[in-house]
All heavy atoms as atom14 arrays in JSON, in Angstrom:
{
  "sequence": "LQHVGHKKIEFHISTEIPAVLQINPEKEEKNGKRVYLYATTEE",
  "atom14_mask": [
    [1, 1, 1, 1, 1, 1, 1, 1, 0, 0, 0, 0, 0, 0],
    [1, 1, 1, 1, 1, 1, 1, 1, 1, 0, 0, 0, 0, 0],
    [1, 1, 1, 1, 1, 1, 1, 1, 1, 1, 0, 0, 0, 0],
    [1, 1, 1, 1, 1, 1, 1, 0, 0, 0, 0, 0, 0, 0],
    [1, 1, 1, 1, 0, 0, 0, 0, 0, 0, 0, 0, 0, 0],
    [1, 1, 1, 1, 1, 1, 1, 1, 1, 1, 0, 0, 0, 0],
    [1, 1, 1, 1, 1, 1, 1, 1, 1, 0, 0, 0, 0, 0],
    [1, 1, 1, 1, 1, 1, 1, 1, 1, 0, 0, 0, 0, 0],
    [1, 1, 1, 1, 1, 1, 1, 1, 0, 0, 0, 0, 0, 0],
    [1, 1, 1, 1, 1, 1, 1, 1, 1, 0, 0, 0, 0, 0],
    [1, 1, 1, 1, 1, 1, 1, 1, 1, 1, 1, 0, 0, 0],
    [1, 1, 1, 1, 1, 1, 1, 1, 1, 1, 0, 0, 0, 0],
    [1, 1, 1, 1, 1, 1, 1, 1, 0, 0, 0, 0, 0, 0],
    [1, 1, 1, 1, 1, 1, 0, 0, 0, 0, 0, 0, 0, 0],
    [1, 1, 1, 1, 1, 1, 1, 0, 0, 0, 0, 0, 0, 0],
    [1, 1, 1, 1, 1, 1, 1, 1, 1, 0, 0, 0, 0, 0],
    [1, 1, 1, 1, 1, 1, 1, 1, 0, 0, 0, 0, 0, 0],
    [1, 1, 1, 1, 1, 1, 1, 0, 0, 0, 0, 0, 0, 0],
    [1, 1, 1, 1, 1, 0, 0, 0, 0, 0, 0, 0, 0, 0],
    [1, 1, 1, 1, 1, 1, 1, 0, 0, 0, 0, 0, 0, 0],
    [1, 1, 1, 1, 1, 1, 1, 1, 0, 0, 0, 0, 0, 0],
    [1, 1, 1, 1, 1, 1, 1, 1, 1, 0, 0, 0, 0, 0],
    [1, 1, 1, 1, 1, 1, 1, 1, 0, 0, 0, 0, 0, 0],
    [1, 1, 1, 1, 1, 1, 1, 1, 0, 0, 0, 0, 0, 0],
    [1, 1, 1, 1, 1, 1, 1, 0, 0, 0, 0, 0, 0, 0],
    [1, 1, 1, 1, 1, 1, 1, 1, 1, 0, 0, 0, 0, 0],
    [1, 1, 1, 1, 1, 1, 1, 1, 1, 0, 0, 0, 0, 0],
    [1, 1, 1, 1, 1, 1, 1, 1, 1, 0, 0, 0, 0, 0],
    [1, 1, 1, 1, 1, 1, 1, 1, 1, 0, 0, 0, 0, 0],
    [1, 1, 1, 1, 1, 1, 1, 1, 1, 0, 0, 0, 0, 0],
    [1, 1, 1, 1, 1, 1, 1, 1, 0, 0, 0, 0, 0, 0],
    [1, 1, 1, 1, 0, 0, 0, 0, 0, 0, 0, 0, 0, 0],
    [1, 1, 1, 1, 1, 1, 1, 1, 1, 0, 0, 0, 0, 0],
    [1, 1, 1, 1, 1, 1, 1, 1, 1, 1, 1, 0, 0, 0],
    [1, 1, 1, 1, 1, 1, 1, 0, 0, 0, 0, 0, 0, 0],
    [1, 1, 1, 1, 1, 1, 1, 1, 1, 1, 1, 1, 0, 0],
    [1, 1, 1, 1, 1, 1, 1, 1, 0, 0, 0, 0, 0, 0],
    [1, 1, 1, 1, 1, 1, 1, 1, 1, 1, 1, 1, 0, 0],
    [1, 1, 1, 1, 1, 0, 0, 0, 0, 0, 0, 0, 0, 0],
    [1, 1, 1, 1, 1, 1, 1, 0, 0, 0, 0, 0, 0, 0],
    [1, 1, 1, 1, 1, 1, 1, 0, 0, 0, 0, 0, 0, 0],
    [1, 1, 1, 1, 1, 1, 1, 1, 1, 0, 0, 0, 0, 0],
    [1, 1, 1, 1, 1, 1, 1, 1, 1, 0, 0, 0, 0, 0]
  ],
  "atom14_positions": [
    [[69.69, 14.56, 64.12], [70.1, 15.85, 64.54], [69.32, 16.89, 63.88], [68.88, 17.84, 64.47], [71.55, 16.1, 64.19], [72.62, 15.34, 65.2], [74.04, 15.55, 64.61], [72.47, 15.9, 66.57], [0.0, 0.0, 0.0], [0.0, 0.0, 0.0], [0.0, 0.0, 0.0], [0.0, 0.0, 0.0], [0.0, 0.0, 0.0], [0.0, 0.0, 0.0]],
    [[68.94, 16.63, 62.54], [68.13, 17.64, 61.86], [66.72, 17.78, 62.49], [66.14, 18.8, 62.6], [68.06, 17.28, 60.38], [69.28, 17.58, 59.58], [69.18, 17.21, 58.17], [68.28, 16.47, 57.71], [70.04, 17.67, 57.39], [0.0, 0.0, 0.0], [0.0, 0.0, 0.0], [0.0, 0.0, 0.0], [0.0, 0.0, 0.0], [0.0, 0.0, 0.0]],
    [[66.25, 16.61, 62.84], [64.81, 16.62, 63.46], [64.88, 17.3, 64.76], [63.96, 18.08, 65.1], [64.36, 15.17, 63.65], [63.99, 14.46, 62.39], [63.05, 15.01, 61.51], [64.48, 13.31, 61.84], [62.98, 14.15, 60.43], [63.81, 13.14, 60.62], [0.0, 0.0, 0.0], [0.0, 0.0, 0.0], [0.0, 0.0, 0.0], [0.0, 0.0, 0.0]],
    [[65.9, 17.2, 65.53], [66.01, 17.94, 66.82], [66.12, 19.45, 66.61], [65.52, 20.23, 67.28], [67.27, 17.4, 67.63], [67.52, 18.17, 68.86], [67.14, 15.93, 68.03], [0.0, 0.0, 0.0], [0.0, 0.0, 0.0], [0.0, 0.0, 0.0], [0.0, 0.0, 0.0], [0.0, 0.0, 0.0], [0.0, 0.0, 0.0], [0.0, 0.0, 0.0]],
    [[66.9, 19.82, 65.56], [67.05, 21.22, 65.2], [65.8, 21.95, 64.81], [65.74, 23.15, 64.94], [0.0, 0.0, 0.0], [0.0, 0.0, 0.0], [0.0, 0.0, 0.0], [0.0, 0.0, 0.0], [0.0, 0.0, 0.0], [0.0, 0.0, 0.0], [0.0, 0.0, 0.0], [0.0, 0.0, 0.0], [0.0, 0.0, 0.0], [0.0, 0.0, 0.0]],
    [[64.76, 21.23, 64.34], [63.53, 21.91, 63.93], [62.69, 22.26, 65.13], [61.58, 22.9, 64.94], [62.76, 21.0, 63.01], [63.41, 20.93, 61.61], [64.0, 19.83, 61.11], [63.49, 21.92, 60.63], [64.46, 20.15, 59.88], [64.18, 21.37, 59.54], [0.0, 0.0, 0.0], [0.0, 0.0, 0.0], [0.0, 0.0, 0.0], [0.0, 0.0, 0.0]],
    [[63.08, 21.89, 66.34], [62.18, 22.29, 67.46], [62.25, 23.71, 67.67], [63.32, 24.43, 67.52], [62.72, 21.56, 68.75], [62.43, 20.07, 68.8], [62.95, 19.47, 70.07], [62.52, 17.99, 70.07], [63.02, 17.36, 71.37], [0.0, 0.0, 0.0], [0.0, 0.0, 0.0], [0.0, 0.0, 0.0], [0.0, 0.0, 0.0], [0.0, 0.0, 0.0]],
    [[61.13, 24.41, 67.98], [61.03, 25.84, 68.17], [61.39, 26.21, 69.64], [60.89, 25.59, 70.55], [59.62, 26.3, 67.81], [59.26, 26.25, 66.32], [57.93, 26.69, 66.07], [57.55, 26.6, 64.59], [56.17, 27.06, 64.23], [0.0, 0.0, 0.0], [0.0, 0.0, 0.0], [0.0, 0.0, 0.0], [0.0, 0.0, 0.0], [0.0, 0.0, 0.0]],
    [[62.15, 27.18, 69.73], [62.45, 27.72, 71.05], [61.85, 29.12, 71.17], [61.93, 30.01, 70.28], [64.02, 27.94, 71.17], [64.64, 26.55, 71.08], [64.34, 28.58, 72.56], [66.19, 26.67, 71.06], [0.0, 0.0, 0.0], [0.0, 0.0, 0.0], [0.0, 0.0, 0.0], [0.0, 0.0, 0.0], [0.0, 0.0, 0.0], [0.0, 0.0, 0.0]],
    [[61.04, 29.29, 72.18], [60.34, 30.57, 72.35], [60.82, 31.38, 73.47], [61.14, 30.8, 74.48], [58.79, 30.29, 72.51], [58.08, 29.67, 71.28], [56.64, 29.44, 71.47], [56.14, 29.76, 72.58], [56.05, 28.9, 70.53], [0.0, 0.0, 0.0], [0.0, 0.0, 0.0], [0.0, 0.0, 0.0], [0.0, 0.0, 0.0], [0.0, 0.0, 0.0]],
    [[60.84, 32.72, 73.3], [61.27, 33.59, 74.45], [60.03, 34.53, 74.68], [59.51, 35.15, 73.73], [62.44, 34.46, 74.0], [63.7, 33.72, 73.81], [64.14, 33.32, 72.68], [64.45, 33.51, 74.98], [65.31, 32.56, 72.53], [65.69, 32.73, 74.82], [66.09, 32.3, 73.66], [0.0, 0.0, 0.0], [0.0, 0.0, 0.0], [0.0, 0.0, 0.0]],
    [[59.6, 34.52, 75.91], [58.51, 35.45, 76.24], [59.14, 36.77, 76.87], [59.51, 36.75, 78.02], [57.66, 34.73, 77.25], [56.99, 33.5, 76.69], [55.84, 33.51, 75.88], [57.34, 32.16, 76.76], [55.57, 32.3, 75.5], [56.39, 31.49, 76.07], [0.0, 0.0, 0.0], [0.0, 0.0, 0.0], [0.0, 0.0, 0.0], [0.0, 0.0, 0.0]],
    [[59.26, 37.72, 76.02], [59.76, 39.05, 76.51], [58.68, 40.04, 76.54], [57.83, 40.23, 75.56], [60.84, 39.52, 75.52], [61.97, 38.57, 75.38], [61.37, 40.92, 75.91], [62.93, 38.74, 74.41], [0.0, 0.0, 0.0], [0.0, 0.0, 0.0], [0.0, 0.0, 0.0], [0.0, 0.0, 0.0], [0.0, 0.0, 0.0], [0.0, 0.0, 0.0]],
    [[58.69, 40.83, 77.6], [57.58, 41.81, 77.79], [57.77, 42.93, 76.76], [58.95, 43.34, 76.44], [57.72, 42.45, 79.27], [56.78, 43.5, 79.39], [0.0, 0.0, 0.0], [0.0, 0.0, 0.0], [0.0, 0.0, 0.0], [0.0, 0.0, 0.0], [0.0, 0.0, 0.0], [0.0, 0.0, 0.0], [0.0, 0.0, 0.0], [0.0, 0.0, 0.0]],
    [[56.74, 43.35, 76.18], [56.79, 44.43, 75.17], [56.79, 45.8, 75.78], [57.03, 46.81, 75.09], [55.58, 44.3, 74.22], [54.42, 44.45, 74.99], [55.68, 43.13, 73.31], [0.0, 0.0, 0.0], [0.0, 0.0, 0.0], [0.0, 0.0, 0.0], [0.0, 0.0, 0.0], [0.0, 0.0, 0.0], [0.0, 0.0, 0.0], [0.0, 0.0, 0.0]],
    [[56.72, 45.83, 77.03], [56.66, 47.17, 77.71], [58.12, 47.67, 77.85], [59.0, 46.99, 78.29], [56.1, 47.06, 79.07], [54.59, 46.74, 79.1], [54.08, 46.75, 80.5], [54.78, 47.0, 81.45], [52.89, 46.24, 80.67], [0.0, 0.0, 0.0], [0.0, 0.0, 0.0], [0.0, 0.0, 0.0], [0.0, 0.0, 0.0], [0.0, 0.0, 0.0]],
    [[58.38, 48.94, 77.38], [59.67, 49.56, 77.43], [59.76, 50.3, 78.81], [58.82, 51.02, 79.16], [59.84, 50.64, 76.35], [59.77, 49.85, 74.94], [61.24, 51.28, 76.48], [59.73, 50.74, 73.82], [0.0, 0.0, 0.0], [0.0, 0.0, 0.0], [0.0, 0.0, 0.0], [0.0, 0.0, 0.0], [0.0, 0.0, 0.0], [0.0, 0.0, 0.0]],
    [[60.81, 50.07, 79.58], [60.95, 50.73, 80.85], [60.8, 52.26, 80.66], [61.24, 52.83, 79.68], [62.39, 50.37, 81.29], [62.73, 49.16, 80.57], [62.02, 49.24, 79.31], [0.0, 0.0, 0.0], [0.0, 0.0, 0.0], [0.0, 0.0, 0.0], [0.0, 0.0, 0.0], [0.0, 0.0, 0.0], [0.0, 0.0, 0.0], [0.0, 0.0, 0.0]],
    [[60.27, 52.95, 81.65], [60.02, 54.31, 81.55], [61.24, 55.22, 81.42], [61.21, 56.18, 80.7], [59.27, 54.82, 82.87], [0.0, 0.0, 0.0], [0.0, 0.0, 0.0], [0.0, 0.0, 0.0], [0.0, 0.0, 0.0], [0.0, 0.0, 0.0], [0.0, 0.0, 0.0], [0.0, 0.0, 0.0], [0.0, 0.0, 0.0], [0.0, 0.0, 0.0]],
    [[62.33, 54.72, 81.94], [63.59, 55.38, 81.84], [64.05, 55.53, 80.45], [64.54, 56.6, 79.95], [64.68, 54.73, 82.77], [66.01, 55.44, 82.56], [64.31, 54.73, 84.11], [0.0, 0.0, 0.0], [0.0, 0.0, 0.0], [0.0, 0.0, 0.0], [0.0, 0.0, 0.0], [0.0, 0.0, 0.0], [0.0, 0.0, 0.0], [0.0, 0.0, 0.0]],
    [[63.86, 54.38, 79.64], [64.32, 54.38, 78.31], [63.39, 55.11, 77.32], [63.71, 55.38, 76.17], [64.53, 52.99, 77.83], [65.67, 52.15, 78.54], [65.69, 50.81, 78.16], [66.99, 52.9, 78.32], [0.0, 0.0, 0.0], [0.0, 0.0, 0.0], [0.0, 0.0, 0.0], [0.0, 0.0, 0.0], [0.0, 0.0, 0.0], [0.0, 0.0, 0.0]],
    [[62.17, 55.44, 77.76], [61.19, 56.08, 76.87], [61.49, 57.56, 76.81], [60.93, 58.2, 75.92], [59.76, 55.86, 77.4], [59.3, 54.46, 77.22], [57.9, 54.25, 77.81], [57.32, 55.2, 78.23], [57.42, 53.01, 77.72], [0.0, 0.0, 0.0], [0.0, 0.0, 0.0], [0.0, 0.0, 0.0], [0.0, 0.0, 0.0], [0.0, 0.0, 0.0]],
    [[62.4, 58.08, 77.58], [62.69, 59.49, 77.55], [63.18, 60.03, 76.3], [62.87, 61.0, 75.74], [63.66, 59.84, 78.72], [62.96, 59.6, 80.13], [64.03, 61.36, 78.7], [63.87, 59.69, 81.29], [0.0, 0.0, 0.0], [0.0, 0.0, 0.0], [0.0, 0.0, 0.0], [0.0, 0.0, 0.0], [0.0, 0.0, 0.0], [0.0, 0.0, 0.0]],
    [[64.12, 59.22, 75.69], [64.78, 59.63, 74.45], [65.03, 58.48, 73.58], [66.13, 57.99, 73.39], [66.11, 60.34, 74.87], [66.72, 61.04, 73.61], [66.12, 61.03, 72.54], [67.83, 61.68, 73.84], [0.0, 0.0, 0.0], [0.0, 0.0, 0.0], [0.0, 0.0, 0.0], [0.0, 0.0, 0.0], [0.0, 0.0, 0.0], [0.0, 0.0, 0.0]],
    [[63.97, 57.94, 72.9], [64.05, 56.79, 72.09], [64.93, 57.02, 70.82], [65.61, 56.11, 70.32], [62.64, 56.5, 71.72], [61.88, 57.76, 71.92], [62.5, 58.46, 73.0], [0.0, 0.0, 0.0], [0.0, 0.0, 0.0], [0.0, 0.0, 0.0], [0.0, 0.0, 0.0], [0.0, 0.0, 0.0], [0.0, 0.0, 0.0], [0.0, 0.0, 0.0]],
    [[64.96, 58.27, 70.38], [65.83, 58.59, 69.15], [67.29, 58.35, 69.46], [68.0, 57.88, 68.6], [65.63, 60.04, 68.84], [64.3, 60.31, 68.16], [64.08, 61.75, 67.84], [65.08, 62.46, 67.86], [62.95, 62.15, 67.46], [0.0, 0.0, 0.0], [0.0, 0.0, 0.0], [0.0, 0.0, 0.0], [0.0, 0.0, 0.0], [0.0, 0.0, 0.0]],
    [[67.69, 58.6, 70.66], [69.06, 58.48, 71.0], [69.45, 57.01, 71.0], [70.58, 56.64, 70.62], [69.34, 59.07, 72.44], [70.75, 59.07, 72.84], [71.11, 60.5, 73.29], [72.62, 60.6, 73.48], [73.05, 61.88, 73.67], [0.0, 0.0, 0.0], [0.0, 0.0, 0.0], [0.0, 0.0, 0.0], [0.0, 0.0, 0.0], [0.0, 0.0, 0.0]],
    [[68.47, 56.1, 71.4], [68.79, 54.7, 71.33], [69.09, 54.23, 69.96], [69.97, 53.47, 69.62], [67.62, 53.9, 71.91], [67.38, 54.08, 73.43], [66.23, 53.44, 73.95], [65.86, 52.34, 73.41], [65.58, 53.9, 74.82], [0.0, 0.0, 0.0], [0.0, 0.0, 0.0], [0.0, 0.0, 0.0], [0.0, 0.0, 0.0], [0.0, 0.0, 0.0]],
    [[68.29, 54.69, 69.0], [68.5, 54.32, 67.6], [69.72, 54.83, 67.07], [70.4, 54.18, 66.27], [67.3, 54.87, 66.72], [66.0, 54.05, 66.98], [64.86, 54.57, 66.12], [65.17, 55.06, 65.02], [63.69, 54.5, 66.56], [0.0, 0.0, 0.0], [0.0, 0.0, 0.0], [0.0, 0.0, 0.0], [0.0, 0.0, 0.0], [0.0, 0.0, 0.0]],
    [[70.13, 56.0, 67.42], [71.36, 56.66, 66.96], [72.58, 55.94, 67.39], [73.51, 55.65, 66.69], [71.41, 58.06, 67.57], [71.59, 59.16, 66.49], [71.76, 60.49, 67.18], [71.02, 61.52, 66.32], [71.09, 62.82, 66.92], [0.0, 0.0, 0.0], [0.0, 0.0, 0.0], [0.0, 0.0, 0.0], [0.0, 0.0, 0.0], [0.0, 0.0, 0.0]],
    [[72.48, 55.38, 68.6], [73.72, 54.63, 69.17], [73.73, 53.24, 68.76], [74.65, 52.51, 69.11], [73.67, 54.73, 70.71], [73.88, 56.2, 71.2], [74.45, 56.96, 70.5], [73.53, 56.43, 72.5], [0.0, 0.0, 0.0], [0.0, 0.0, 0.0], [0.0, 0.0, 0.0], [0.0, 0.0, 0.0], [0.0, 0.0, 0.0], [0.0, 0.0, 0.0]],
    [[72.75, 52.8, 67.98], [72.73, 51.44, 67.54], [71.52, 50.67, 68.02], [70.88, 51.15, 68.98], [0.0, 0.0, 0.0], [0.0, 0.0, 0.0], [0.0, 0.0, 0.0], [0.0, 0.0, 0.0], [0.0, 0.0, 0.0], [0.0, 0.0, 0.0], [0.0, 0.0, 0.0], [0.0, 0.0, 0.0], [0.0, 0.0, 0.0], [0.0, 0.0, 0.0]],
    [[71.14, 49.57, 67.48], [69.99, 48.85, 67.82], [70.13, 48.17, 69.21], [69.2, 48.01, 69.87], [69.65, 47.87, 66.67], [69.12, 48.57, 65.41], [68.85, 47.5, 64.4], [68.41, 48.17, 63.1], [68.11, 47.15, 62.0], [0.0, 0.0, 0.0], [0.0, 0.0, 0.0], [0.0, 0.0, 0.0], [0.0, 0.0, 0.0], [0.0, 0.0, 0.0]],
    [[71.35, 47.65, 69.4], [71.51, 46.92, 70.69], [71.91, 47.89, 71.74], [72.94, 48.46, 71.8], [72.66, 45.89, 70.52], [72.26, 44.83, 69.57], [73.35, 43.78, 69.46], [73.04, 42.77, 68.46], [73.82, 41.73, 68.26], [74.96, 41.57, 68.83], [73.48, 40.83, 67.3], [0.0, 0.0, 0.0], [0.0, 0.0, 0.0], [0.0, 0.0, 0.0]],
    [[70.93, 48.02, 72.76], [71.14, 49.03, 73.86], [70.96, 48.17, 75.13], [69.98, 47.34, 75.2], [70.17, 50.14, 73.84], [70.42, 51.08, 74.93], [70.33, 50.94, 72.49], [0.0, 0.0, 0.0], [0.0, 0.0, 0.0], [0.0, 0.0, 0.0], [0.0, 0.0, 0.0], [0.0, 0.0, 0.0], [0.0, 0.0, 0.0], [0.0, 0.0, 0.0]],
    [[71.7, 48.43, 76.19], [71.56, 47.71, 77.41], [70.16, 48.25, 78.03], [70.01, 49.37, 78.36], [72.67, 48.08, 78.38], [74.02, 47.44, 77.89], [74.99, 48.29, 77.33], [74.28, 46.09, 77.96], [76.16, 47.73, 76.8], [75.46, 45.58, 77.51], [76.31, 46.38, 76.98], [77.58, 45.9, 76.55], [0.0, 0.0, 0.0], [0.0, 0.0, 0.0]],
    [[69.22, 47.26, 78.07], [67.88, 47.62, 78.51], [67.86, 48.19, 79.99], [66.95, 48.91, 80.32], [67.0, 46.37, 78.41], [66.7, 45.91, 76.99], [65.94, 44.65, 76.97], [66.09, 46.96, 76.19], [0.0, 0.0, 0.0], [0.0, 0.0, 0.0], [0.0, 0.0, 0.0], [0.0, 0.0, 0.0], [0.0, 0.0, 0.0], [0.0, 0.0, 0.0]],
    [[68.81, 47.75, 80.83], [68.72, 48.12, 82.24], [69.61, 49.4, 82.54], [69.73, 49.8, 83.63], [69.2, 47.0, 83.08], [68.29, 45.76, 82.95], [68.68, 44.7, 82.18], [67.08, 45.79, 83.59], [67.81, 43.58, 82.12], [66.17, 44.73, 83.5], [66.58, 43.56, 82.71], [65.74, 42.55, 82.64], [0.0, 0.0, 0.0], [0.0, 0.0, 0.0]],
    [[70.2, 49.99, 81.46], [70.98, 51.15, 81.66], [70.01, 52.35, 81.86], [69.0, 52.43, 81.13], [71.86, 51.43, 80.53], [0.0, 0.0, 0.0], [0.0, 0.0, 0.0], [0.0, 0.0, 0.0], [0.0, 0.0, 0.0], [0.0, 0.0, 0.0], [0.0, 0.0, 0.0], [0.0, 0.0, 0.0], [0.0, 0.0, 0.0], [0.0, 0.0, 0.0]],
    [[70.38, 53.33, 82.6], [69.57, 54.55, 82.84], [69.97, 55.53, 81.67], [70.95, 55.4, 81.07], [69.87, 55.26, 84.11], [71.19, 55.62, 84.11], [69.56, 54.27, 85.25], [0.0, 0.0, 0.0], [0.0, 0.0, 0.0], [0.0, 0.0, 0.0], [0.0, 0.0, 0.0], [0.0, 0.0, 0.0], [0.0, 0.0, 0.0], [0.0, 0.0, 0.0]],
    [[69.11, 56.48, 81.58], [69.34, 57.55, 80.48], [70.66, 58.29, 80.77], [71.33, 58.58, 79.86], [68.18, 58.64, 80.54], [66.97, 57.88, 80.45], [68.28, 59.52, 79.35], [0.0, 0.0, 0.0], [0.0, 0.0, 0.0], [0.0, 0.0, 0.0], [0.0, 0.0, 0.0], [0.0, 0.0, 0.0], [0.0, 0.0, 0.0], [0.0, 0.0, 0.0]],
    [[70.89, 58.56, 82.0], [72.12, 59.27, 82.38], [73.36, 58.42, 81.95], [74.35, 58.96, 81.41], [72.12, 59.55, 83.87], [73.39, 60.4, 84.28], [73.3, 60.71, 85.79], [72.29, 60.38, 86.4], [74.33, 61.24, 86.21], [0.0, 0.0, 0.0], [0.0, 0.0, 0.0], [0.0, 0.0, 0.0], [0.0, 0.0, 0.0], [0.0, 0.0, 0.0]],
    [[73.3, 57.06, 82.18], [74.42, 56.23, 81.75], [74.66, 56.23, 80.25], [75.71, 56.19, 79.78], [74.16, 54.78, 82.28], [74.41, 54.74, 83.83], [73.94, 53.37, 84.3], [73.12, 52.67, 83.65], [74.31, 52.97, 85.41], [0.0, 0.0, 0.0], [0.0, 0.0, 0.0], [0.0, 0.0, 0.0], [0.0, 0.0, 0.0], [0.0, 0.0, 0.0]]
  ]
}
């Protein structure tokens, strides 16, 4: 089981931030690190 656990899992996530969320990045940090990426600024 230990040997199986050492396998690496990789996630390929795009580094590009959606244009909608780039409007107010400070607000995202204020509200916490975890922000719904698909939410609009208005939401």
